[in-house]
Amino acid sequence: MGMFICYRTSYEGGCKFYPDEPEYKGVKHYLNLTNGIEFLEDSENIDFNFVRIQSCACERHLWDKIILDLDYHFLLDIALGYKVIVYDTSAKKEESRAMFQGLKFIEYVLNRVWFNKKIDIEVKGMNCKKYFEEGYRELSNISLKKIKYLRKFLDTDKICLLSVCKNTEHDGDYKYYKQVLLENY
């Protein structure tokens, strides 16, 4: 039968057709701390969880930190076969670096550790397989053990990590984000 998955980012957008509909247990929604909190204002009836993927860690190539900071709930949802959508905002671009680079690196690492697959990953139209493989080889044993631990719970053969992003005018406004949390969470 097949299905279309639609997305929008600053560098590409549209729909991609998947000839065989992937089977997912459902959808899990995660707000990327801190700026993703803004989505609480506009999203009713969505049960959000939280994750922290830092854009500055991506900029500095701190791949180990990115993996170590991941919450086990987030990783377990992926391992169990849920489609995971991460929401974030960016002050300067339509998609934060945490989403266009960090989330893609996480997807690469999970495929590498859980399925022993070196997948092709595109970031802004460029194949980053070699770049991410270098980052993967630099991961500490602690990071790799964290990801390997969850292999025993795998109930999927595909990883589905998607992002939803928008621009914000509240970057660094922690008082605003605290108020949004208090009013909407």
N, C-alpha and C. Protein backbone atom coordinates (compact mmCIF):
# COMPACT_ATOMS: atom_id res chain seq x y z
N MET A 1 0.82 -1.19 0.00
CA MET A 1 0.00 0.00 0.00
C MET A 1 0.87 1.26 0.00
N GLY A 2 1.78 1.41 0.93
CA GLY A 2 2.67 2.55 0.97
C GLY A 2 2.11 3.73 1.72
N MET A 3 2.99 4.71 1.99
CA MET A 3 2.55 5.91 2.69
C MET A 3 3.49 7.06 2.37
N PHE A 4 2.99 8.29 2.56
CA PHE A 4 3.80 9.49 2.42
C PHE A 4 4.11 10.02 3.81
N ILE A 5 5.36 10.41 4.02
CA ILE A 5 5.75 11.11 5.24
C ILE A 5 6.16 12.50 4.80
N CYS A 6 5.53 13.53 5.38
CA CYS A 6 5.79 14.90 4.98
C CYS A 6 6.57 15.62 6.08
N TYR A 7 7.40 16.55 5.67
CA TYR A 7 8.22 17.29 6.58
C TYR A 7 8.55 18.64 5.96
N ARG A 8 9.07 19.54 6.79
CA ARG A 8 9.48 20.85 6.30
C ARG A 8 10.71 21.28 7.08
N THR A 9 11.75 21.65 6.37
CA THR A 9 12.94 22.22 6.99
C THR A 9 13.37 23.40 6.14
N SER A 10 14.39 24.08 6.58
CA SER A 10 14.85 25.26 5.85
C SER A 10 15.52 24.91 4.53
N TYR A 11 16.04 23.69 4.39
CA TYR A 11 16.78 23.36 3.19
C TYR A 11 16.09 22.35 2.31
N GLU A 12 15.03 21.76 2.76
CA GLU A 12 14.26 20.85 1.93
C GLU A 12 12.86 20.72 2.51
N GLY A 13 11.99 20.19 1.77
CA GLY A 13 10.65 20.00 2.27
C GLY A 13 9.84 19.19 1.30
N GLY A 14 8.70 18.78 1.75
CA GLY A 14 7.84 18.01 0.88
C GLY A 14 7.52 16.66 1.47
N CYS A 15 7.23 15.73 0.61
CA CYS A 15 6.83 14.41 1.05
C CYS A 15 7.72 13.36 0.41
N LYS A 16 7.96 12.32 1.15
CA LYS A 16 8.71 11.19 0.63
C LYS A 16 7.79 9.97 0.68
N PHE A 17 7.74 9.24 -0.41
CA PHE A 17 6.89 8.06 -0.48
C PHE A 17 7.66 6.83 -0.03
N TYR A 18 7.07 6.08 0.88
CA TYR A 18 7.63 4.82 1.33
C TYR A 18 6.72 3.71 0.80
N PRO A 19 7.23 2.86 -0.12
CA PRO A 19 6.38 1.84 -0.75
C PRO A 19 5.77 0.86 0.26
N ASP A 20 6.53 0.51 1.28
CA ASP A 20 5.99 -0.36 2.32
C ASP A 20 5.82 0.47 3.57
N GLU A 21 4.60 0.54 4.02
CA GLU A 21 4.31 1.35 5.19
C GLU A 21 5.07 0.81 6.40
N PRO A 22 5.94 1.63 7.00
CA PRO A 22 6.65 1.16 8.19
C PRO A 22 5.65 0.91 9.32
N GLU A 23 5.94 -0.09 10.09
CA GLU A 23 5.06 -0.38 11.22
C GLU A 23 5.66 0.23 12.47
N TYR A 24 4.92 1.13 13.07
CA TYR A 24 5.33 1.76 14.30
C TYR A 24 4.26 1.50 15.35
N LYS A 25 4.69 1.46 16.58
CA LYS A 25 3.73 1.23 17.67
C LYS A 25 2.87 2.45 17.93
N GLY A 26 3.33 3.57 17.48
CA GLY A 26 2.64 4.83 17.72
C GLY A 26 3.64 5.96 17.60
N VAL A 27 3.26 7.12 18.08
CA VAL A 27 4.11 8.31 17.99
C VAL A 27 4.39 8.83 19.38
N LYS A 28 5.63 9.18 19.62
CA LYS A 28 6.05 9.82 20.88
C LYS A 28 6.59 11.19 20.53
N HIS A 29 6.19 12.18 21.32
CA HIS A 29 6.56 13.57 21.06
C HIS A 29 7.52 14.05 22.15
N TYR A 30 8.61 14.67 21.72
CA TYR A 30 9.62 15.19 22.65
C TYR A 30 9.90 16.66 22.34
N LEU A 31 9.95 17.45 23.40
CA LEU A 31 10.36 18.85 23.29
C LEU A 31 11.84 18.92 23.59
N ASN A 32 12.61 19.55 22.70
CA ASN A 32 14.03 19.73 22.96
C ASN A 32 14.20 20.90 23.91
N LEU A 33 14.83 20.63 25.04
CA LEU A 33 15.06 21.69 26.02
C LEU A 33 16.17 22.60 25.54
N THR A 34 16.02 23.86 25.55
CA THR A 34 14.99 24.61 26.24
C THR A 34 13.96 25.17 25.26
N ASN A 35 14.41 25.56 24.09
CA ASN A 35 13.55 26.30 23.18
C ASN A 35 12.33 25.53 22.69
N GLY A 36 12.39 24.22 22.67
CA GLY A 36 11.25 23.43 22.23
C GLY A 36 10.02 23.60 23.11
N ILE A 37 10.23 24.09 24.33
CA ILE A 37 9.12 24.33 25.26
C ILE A 37 8.06 25.24 24.64
N GLU A 38 8.47 26.09 23.74
CA GLU A 38 7.56 27.04 23.10
C GLU A 38 6.38 26.32 22.42
N PHE A 39 6.58 25.09 21.97
CA PHE A 39 5.51 24.34 21.31
C PHE A 39 4.36 24.01 22.25
N LEU A 40 4.57 24.08 23.55
CA LEU A 40 3.49 23.81 24.50
C LEU A 40 2.34 24.80 24.35
N GLU A 41 2.64 26.02 23.93
CA GLU A 41 1.60 27.04 23.78
C GLU A 41 0.58 26.70 22.70
N ASP A 42 1.04 26.07 21.63
CA ASP A 42 0.18 25.84 20.47
C ASP A 42 -0.29 24.40 20.30
N SER A 43 0.11 23.52 21.17
CA SER A 43 -0.15 22.10 20.97
C SER A 43 -1.04 21.54 22.07
N GLU A 44 -2.30 21.38 21.74
CA GLU A 44 -3.24 20.81 22.69
C GLU A 44 -3.33 19.31 22.48
N ASN A 45 -3.58 18.60 23.53
CA ASN A 45 -3.80 17.15 23.48
C ASN A 45 -2.61 16.37 22.96
N ILE A 46 -1.41 16.90 23.12
CA ILE A 46 -0.20 16.14 22.80
C ILE A 46 0.53 15.90 24.11
N ASP A 47 0.84 14.64 24.35
CA ASP A 47 1.57 14.27 25.57
C ASP A 47 3.07 14.37 25.27
N PHE A 48 3.69 15.44 25.74
CA PHE A 48 5.10 15.68 25.47
C PHE A 48 6.00 15.09 26.54
N ASN A 49 7.17 14.61 26.09
CA ASN A 49 8.28 14.26 26.96
C ASN A 49 9.38 15.27 26.65
N PHE A 50 10.50 15.14 27.33
CA PHE A 50 11.58 16.10 27.14
C PHE A 50 12.90 15.38 26.82
N VAL A 51 13.71 16.03 26.00
CA VAL A 51 15.04 15.55 25.65
C VAL A 51 15.93 16.78 25.55
N ARG A 52 17.22 16.60 25.68
CA ARG A 52 18.12 17.75 25.52
C ARG A 52 19.23 17.38 24.55
N ILE A 53 19.15 17.96 23.38
CA ILE A 53 20.18 17.83 22.36
C ILE A 53 20.68 19.24 22.11
N GLN A 54 21.90 19.52 22.52
CA GLN A 54 22.40 20.89 22.49
C GLN A 54 23.06 21.23 21.16
N SER A 55 22.62 22.34 20.57
CA SER A 55 23.22 22.82 19.33
C SER A 55 24.69 23.15 19.52
N CYS A 56 25.03 23.71 20.68
CA CYS A 56 26.44 24.08 20.90
C CYS A 56 27.32 22.84 20.97
N ALA A 57 26.80 21.71 21.43
CA ALA A 57 27.58 20.46 21.45
C ALA A 57 27.82 19.99 20.01
N CYS A 58 26.84 20.20 19.14
CA CYS A 58 27.02 19.86 17.72
C CYS A 58 28.08 20.75 17.08
N GLU A 59 28.01 22.05 17.36
CA GLU A 59 28.97 23.00 16.80
C GLU A 59 30.40 22.65 17.20
N ARG A 60 30.56 22.15 18.43
CA ARG A 60 31.89 21.83 18.95
C ARG A 60 32.28 20.38 18.71
N HIS A 61 31.42 19.63 18.02
CA HIS A 61 31.67 18.22 17.71
C HIS A 61 31.81 17.38 18.99
N LEU A 62 31.03 17.70 19.99
CA LEU A 62 31.05 16.97 21.26
C LEU A 62 30.06 15.81 21.18
N TRP A 63 30.36 14.87 20.30
CA TRP A 63 29.44 13.77 20.00
C TRP A 63 29.19 12.91 21.23
N ASP A 64 30.22 12.70 22.02
CA ASP A 64 30.07 11.89 23.22
C ASP A 64 29.07 12.54 24.18
N LYS A 65 29.16 13.83 24.35
CA LYS A 65 28.24 14.55 25.23
C LYS A 65 26.80 14.41 24.75
N ILE A 66 26.62 14.50 23.44
CA ILE A 66 25.26 14.37 22.87
C ILE A 66 24.65 13.02 23.24
N ILE A 67 25.43 11.94 23.09
CA ILE A 67 24.92 10.61 23.41
C ILE A 67 24.72 10.45 24.91
N LEU A 68 25.68 10.90 25.71
CA LEU A 68 25.57 10.75 27.16
C LEU A 68 24.40 11.54 27.74
N ASP A 69 24.04 12.66 27.12
CA ASP A 69 22.93 13.48 27.62
C ASP A 69 21.55 12.92 27.28
N LEU A 70 21.49 11.93 26.40
CA LEU A 70 20.18 11.41 25.99
C LEU A 70 19.52 10.65 27.12
N ASP A 71 18.25 10.94 27.28
CA ASP A 71 17.44 10.30 28.31
C ASP A 71 17.12 8.86 27.90
N TYR A 72 17.11 7.94 28.86
CA TYR A 72 16.78 6.55 28.56
C TYR A 72 15.36 6.38 28.06
N HIS A 73 14.44 7.21 28.52
CA HIS A 73 13.05 7.14 28.06
C HIS A 73 12.99 7.40 26.55
N PHE A 74 13.72 8.41 26.10
CA PHE A 74 13.81 8.75 24.68
C PHE A 74 14.37 7.57 23.88
N LEU A 75 15.48 7.02 24.34
CA LEU A 75 16.12 5.90 23.64
C LEU A 75 15.24 4.66 23.65
N LEU A 76 14.58 4.40 24.76
CA LEU A 76 13.72 3.21 24.86
C LEU A 76 12.53 3.32 23.92
N ASP A 77 11.95 4.50 23.80
CA ASP A 77 10.83 4.69 22.85
C ASP A 77 11.27 4.37 21.43
N ILE A 78 12.47 4.77 21.06
CA ILE A 78 12.98 4.47 19.72
C ILE A 78 13.21 2.97 19.58
N ALA A 79 13.83 2.36 20.58
CA ALA A 79 14.13 0.92 20.55
C ALA A 79 12.86 0.08 20.46
N LEU A 80 11.80 0.53 21.08
CA LEU A 80 10.54 -0.23 21.07
C LEU A 80 9.74 -0.05 19.79
N GLY A 81 10.22 0.81 18.91
CA GLY A 81 9.58 0.93 17.60
C GLY A 81 8.60 2.07 17.46
N TYR A 82 8.67 3.06 18.33
CA TYR A 82 7.82 4.24 18.17
C TYR A 82 8.44 5.20 17.18
N LYS A 83 7.59 5.92 16.47
CA LYS A 83 8.04 7.05 15.67
C LYS A 83 8.23 8.19 16.67
N VAL A 84 9.41 8.76 16.70
CA VAL A 84 9.73 9.80 17.67
C VAL A 84 9.89 11.13 16.94
N ILE A 85 9.13 12.12 17.38
CA ILE A 85 9.18 13.46 16.80
C ILE A 85 9.73 14.41 17.86
N VAL A 86 10.77 15.15 17.49
CA VAL A 86 11.40 16.10 18.41
C VAL A 86 11.08 17.51 17.91
N TYR A 87 10.60 18.35 18.82
CA TYR A 87 10.20 19.73 18.50
C TYR A 87 11.25 20.69 19.04
N ASP A 88 11.63 21.66 18.22
CA ASP A 88 12.61 22.64 18.64
C ASP A 88 12.38 23.94 17.88
N THR A 89 13.00 25.00 18.36
CA THR A 89 12.93 26.29 17.66
C THR A 89 14.35 26.81 17.49
N SER A 90 14.48 27.79 16.62
CA SER A 90 15.78 28.40 16.36
C SER A 90 15.58 29.90 16.16
N ALA A 91 16.49 30.67 16.69
CA ALA A 91 16.40 32.12 16.57
C ALA A 91 16.85 32.60 15.19
N LYS A 92 17.79 31.89 14.58
CA LYS A 92 18.39 32.39 13.34
C LYS A 92 18.00 31.60 12.10
N LYS A 93 17.77 30.32 12.27
CA LYS A 93 17.47 29.46 11.12
C LYS A 93 16.10 28.83 11.30
N GLU A 94 15.60 28.24 10.24
CA GLU A 94 14.31 27.56 10.35
C GLU A 94 14.42 26.24 11.09
N GLU A 95 15.63 25.68 11.16
CA GLU A 95 15.84 24.43 11.89
C GLU A 95 17.11 24.57 12.71
N SER A 96 17.02 24.18 13.97
CA SER A 96 18.18 24.28 14.85
C SER A 96 19.24 23.25 14.47
N ARG A 97 20.49 23.56 14.80
CA ARG A 97 21.58 22.62 14.55
C ARG A 97 21.36 21.33 15.33
N ALA A 98 20.73 21.43 16.48
CA ALA A 98 20.43 20.22 17.26
C ALA A 98 19.58 19.24 16.46
N MET A 99 18.71 19.77 15.61
CA MET A 99 17.83 18.91 14.81
C MET A 99 18.52 18.48 13.52
N PHE A 100 19.05 19.43 12.74
CA PHE A 100 19.57 19.03 11.43
C PHE A 100 20.90 18.29 11.52
N GLN A 101 21.61 18.41 12.63
CA GLN A 101 22.86 17.69 12.76
C GLN A 101 22.83 16.70 13.94
N GLY A 102 22.43 17.17 15.11
CA GLY A 102 22.44 16.31 16.29
C GLY A 102 21.52 15.12 16.19
N LEU A 103 20.28 15.35 15.76
CA LEU A 103 19.31 14.26 15.63
C LEU A 103 19.77 13.26 14.57
N LYS A 104 20.38 13.77 13.51
CA LYS A 104 20.90 12.89 12.45
C LYS A 104 22.07 12.06 12.96
N PHE A 105 22.93 12.65 13.80
CA PHE A 105 24.03 11.89 14.37
C PHE A 105 23.51 10.78 15.28
N ILE A 106 22.51 11.10 16.06
CA ILE A 106 21.90 10.09 16.94
C ILE A 106 21.34 8.95 16.11
N GLU A 107 20.65 9.28 15.03
CA GLU A 107 20.10 8.25 14.14
C GLU A 107 21.23 7.37 13.58
N TYR A 108 22.33 7.99 13.18
CA TYR A 108 23.46 7.24 12.65
C TYR A 108 24.01 6.27 13.71
N VAL A 109 24.24 6.77 14.91
CA VAL A 109 24.80 5.95 15.98
C VAL A 109 23.87 4.79 16.34
N LEU A 110 22.59 5.05 16.44
CA LEU A 110 21.64 3.98 16.79
C LEU A 110 21.63 2.90 15.72
N ASN A 111 21.63 3.28 14.46
CA ASN A 111 21.69 2.30 13.38
C ASN A 111 22.99 1.50 13.42
N ARG A 112 24.07 2.18 13.72
CA ARG A 112 25.39 1.55 13.76
C ARG A 112 25.47 0.53 14.91
N VAL A 113 25.01 0.91 16.09
CA VAL A 113 25.12 0.04 17.26
C VAL A 113 24.04 -1.03 17.27
N TRP A 114 22.81 -0.66 17.02
CA TRP A 114 21.72 -1.63 17.15
C TRP A 114 21.62 -2.58 15.96
N PHE A 115 21.89 -2.09 14.75
CA PHE A 115 21.68 -2.90 13.55
C PHE A 115 22.96 -3.17 12.76
N ASN A 116 24.09 -2.66 13.26
CA ASN A 116 25.37 -2.79 12.58
C ASN A 116 25.29 -2.29 11.13
N LYS A 117 24.57 -1.18 10.94
CA LYS A 117 24.40 -0.57 9.62
C LYS A 117 25.11 0.78 9.58
N LYS A 118 25.89 1.00 8.54
CA LYS A 118 26.47 2.31 8.28
C LYS A 118 25.57 2.98 7.24
N ILE A 119 24.59 3.71 7.71
CA ILE A 119 23.58 4.29 6.82
C ILE A 119 24.07 5.60 6.22
N ASP A 120 23.54 5.92 5.04
CA ASP A 120 23.80 7.22 4.44
C ASP A 120 22.92 8.25 5.14
N ILE A 121 23.52 9.32 5.57
CA ILE A 121 22.80 10.41 6.25
C ILE A 121 23.09 11.70 5.51
N GLU A 122 22.05 12.41 5.14
CA GLU A 122 22.21 13.71 4.50
C GLU A 122 21.90 14.83 5.48
N VAL A 123 22.77 15.81 5.51
CA VAL A 123 22.57 17.03 6.29
C VAL A 123 22.73 18.19 5.33
N LYS A 124 21.67 18.92 5.15
CA LYS A 124 21.66 20.07 4.22
C LYS A 124 22.16 19.68 2.83
N GLY A 125 21.70 18.53 2.38
CA GLY A 125 22.02 18.07 1.04
C GLY A 125 23.38 17.42 0.88
N MET A 126 24.13 17.28 1.96
CA MET A 126 25.46 16.67 1.87
C MET A 126 25.46 15.33 2.60
N ASN A 127 26.11 14.34 1.99
CA ASN A 127 26.22 13.03 2.62
C ASN A 127 27.23 13.13 3.76
N CYS A 128 26.78 12.83 4.97
CA CYS A 128 27.62 12.95 6.17
C CYS A 128 28.03 11.60 6.74
N LYS A 129 27.90 10.55 5.96
CA LYS A 129 28.22 9.21 6.45
C LYS A 129 29.67 9.14 6.97
N LYS A 130 30.61 9.63 6.19
CA LYS A 130 32.02 9.58 6.59
C LYS A 130 32.26 10.46 7.82
N TYR A 131 31.69 11.64 7.81
CA TYR A 131 31.83 12.59 8.93
C TYR A 131 31.26 11.99 10.22
N PHE A 132 30.07 11.39 10.14
CA PHE A 132 29.47 10.79 11.32
C PHE A 132 30.20 9.52 11.75
N GLU A 133 30.77 8.79 10.80
CA GLU A 133 31.54 7.60 11.16
C GLU A 133 32.77 8.01 11.98
N GLU A 134 33.39 9.11 11.63
CA GLU A 134 34.52 9.62 12.42
C GLU A 134 34.07 9.97 13.84
N GLY A 135 32.92 10.62 13.95
CA GLY A 135 32.36 10.95 15.27
C GLY A 135 32.02 9.69 16.05
N TYR A 136 31.48 8.70 15.36
CA TYR A 136 31.13 7.43 16.00
C TYR A 136 32.38 6.75 16.58
N ARG A 137 33.46 6.74 15.83
CA ARG A 137 34.70 6.10 16.28
C ARG A 137 35.31 6.80 17.49
N GLU A 138 34.96 8.05 17.70
CA GLU A 138 35.48 8.80 18.85
C GLU A 138 34.62 8.66 20.11
N LEU A 139 33.50 7.98 20.01
CA LEU A 139 32.64 7.81 21.18
C LEU A 139 33.33 6.98 22.25
N SER A 140 33.09 7.35 23.49
CA SER A 140 33.68 6.62 24.62
C SER A 140 32.97 5.28 24.81
N ASN A 141 33.62 4.39 25.52
CA ASN A 141 33.00 3.11 25.85
C ASN A 141 31.72 3.30 26.66
N ILE A 142 31.69 4.32 27.49
CA ILE A 142 30.49 4.59 28.31
C ILE A 142 29.30 4.91 27.40
N SER A 143 29.52 5.75 26.38
CA SER A 143 28.44 6.08 25.44
C SER A 143 27.97 4.85 24.68
N LEU A 144 28.92 4.07 24.19
CA LEU A 144 28.57 2.88 23.43
C LEU A 144 27.83 1.86 24.30
N LYS A 145 28.26 1.70 25.54
CA LYS A 145 27.57 0.77 26.46
C LYS A 145 26.14 1.22 26.72
N LYS A 146 25.95 2.52 26.82
CA LYS A 146 24.60 3.06 27.03
C LYS A 146 23.67 2.65 25.90
N ILE A 147 24.14 2.81 24.67
CA ILE A 147 23.33 2.46 23.50
C ILE A 147 23.18 0.95 23.37
N LYS A 148 24.28 0.21 23.58
CA LYS A 148 24.24 -1.25 23.48
C LYS A 148 23.28 -1.86 24.50
N TYR A 149 23.21 -1.27 25.68
CA TYR A 149 22.33 -1.79 26.73
C TYR A 149 20.89 -1.95 26.23
N LEU A 150 20.44 -1.01 25.42
CA LEU A 150 19.05 -1.01 24.96
C LEU A 150 18.78 -1.99 23.83
N ARG A 151 19.82 -2.60 23.26
CA ARG A 151 19.62 -3.58 22.18
C ARG A 151 18.71 -4.72 22.61
N LYS A 152 18.80 -5.11 23.86
CA LYS A 152 17.99 -6.24 24.34
C LYS A 152 16.49 -5.94 24.31
N PHE A 153 16.13 -4.67 24.18
CA PHE A 153 14.72 -4.28 24.16
C PHE A 153 14.22 -3.96 22.75
N LEU A 154 15.09 -4.09 21.75
CA LEU A 154 14.70 -3.74 20.38
C LEU A 154 13.47 -4.52 19.94
N ASP A 155 12.51 -3.79 19.41
CA ASP A 155 11.31 -4.40 18.85
C ASP A 155 11.00 -3.73 17.52
N THR A 156 12.04 -3.41 16.78
CA THR A 156 11.92 -2.75 15.49
C THR A 156 13.15 -3.05 14.66
N ASP A 157 13.04 -2.86 13.38
CA ASP A 157 14.22 -2.96 12.52
C ASP A 157 14.47 -1.63 11.80
N LYS A 158 13.72 -0.58 12.21
CA LYS A 158 13.87 0.75 11.62
C LYS A 158 13.80 1.80 12.71
N ILE A 159 14.56 2.85 12.50
CA ILE A 159 14.53 3.98 13.41
C ILE A 159 13.83 5.12 12.70
N CYS A 160 12.86 5.71 13.37
CA CYS A 160 12.14 6.84 12.79
C CYS A 160 12.24 8.02 13.74
N LEU A 161 13.16 8.93 13.44
CA LEU A 161 13.35 10.15 14.20
C LEU A 161 13.03 11.32 13.28
N LEU A 162 12.06 12.13 13.65
CA LEU A 162 11.67 13.28 12.84
C LEU A 162 11.75 14.54 13.69
N SER A 163 11.88 15.67 13.03
CA SER A 163 11.90 16.93 13.77
C SER A 163 10.85 17.88 13.23
N VAL A 164 10.36 18.72 14.11
CA VAL A 164 9.45 19.81 13.76
C VAL A 164 10.09 21.06 14.34
N CYS A 165 10.33 22.04 13.49
CA CYS A 165 11.02 23.25 13.93
C CYS A 165 10.31 24.50 13.44
N LYS A 166 10.54 25.56 14.18
CA LYS A 166 10.05 26.88 13.77
C LYS A 166 10.98 27.93 14.35
N ASN A 167 10.83 29.15 13.87
CA ASN A 167 11.62 30.26 14.40
C ASN A 167 11.06 30.73 15.72
N THR A 168 11.94 31.32 16.52
CA THR A 168 11.51 31.86 17.81
C THR A 168 12.08 33.26 18.00
N GLU A 169 11.39 34.02 18.80
CA GLU A 169 11.88 35.33 19.23
C GLU A 169 12.24 35.29 20.71
N HIS A 170 12.24 34.08 21.29
CA HIS A 170 12.43 33.94 22.74
C HIS A 170 13.72 33.22 23.10
N ASP A 171 14.66 33.13 22.18
CA ASP A 171 15.92 32.44 22.46
C ASP A 171 16.61 33.05 23.67
N GLY A 172 16.91 32.22 24.66
CA GLY A 172 17.58 32.68 25.88
C GLY A 172 16.67 33.33 26.90
N ASP A 173 15.39 33.41 26.63
CA ASP A 173 14.43 34.04 27.55
C ASP A 173 13.86 32.98 28.50
N TYR A 174 14.64 32.63 29.51
CA TYR A 174 14.27 31.53 30.40
C TYR A 174 13.05 31.84 31.25
N LYS A 175 12.83 33.10 31.51
CA LYS A 175 11.62 33.50 32.25
C LYS A 175 10.38 33.14 31.43
N TYR A 176 10.44 33.41 30.13
CA TYR A 176 9.34 33.07 29.23
C TYR A 176 9.11 31.56 29.21
N TYR A 177 10.18 30.78 29.05
CA TYR A 177 10.02 29.32 28.98
C TYR A 177 9.49 28.74 30.28
N LYS A 178 9.91 29.29 31.39
CA LYS A 178 9.39 28.84 32.68
C LYS A 178 7.89 29.12 32.76
N GLN A 179 7.48 30.30 32.31
CA GLN A 179 6.06 30.66 32.34
C GLN A 179 5.24 29.74 31.43
N VAL A 180 5.76 29.44 30.25
CA VAL A 180 5.05 28.52 29.34
C VAL A 180 4.88 27.15 30.01
N LEU A 181 5.93 26.67 30.65
CA LEU A 181 5.83 25.39 31.36
C LEU A 181 4.77 25.43 32.46
N LEU A 182 4.81 26.48 33.26
CA LEU A 182 3.86 26.59 34.36
C LEU A 182 2.41 26.69 33.89
N GLU A 183 2.18 27.32 32.75
CA GLU A 183 0.82 27.50 32.24
C GLU A 183 0.31 26.33 31.41
N ASN A 184 1.22 25.55 30.84
CA ASN A 184 0.78 24.55 29.86
C ASN A 184 1.20 23.12 30.12
N TYR A 185 1.96 22.86 31.16
CA TYR A 185 2.46 21.50 31.36
C TYR A 185 1.89 20.89 32.62
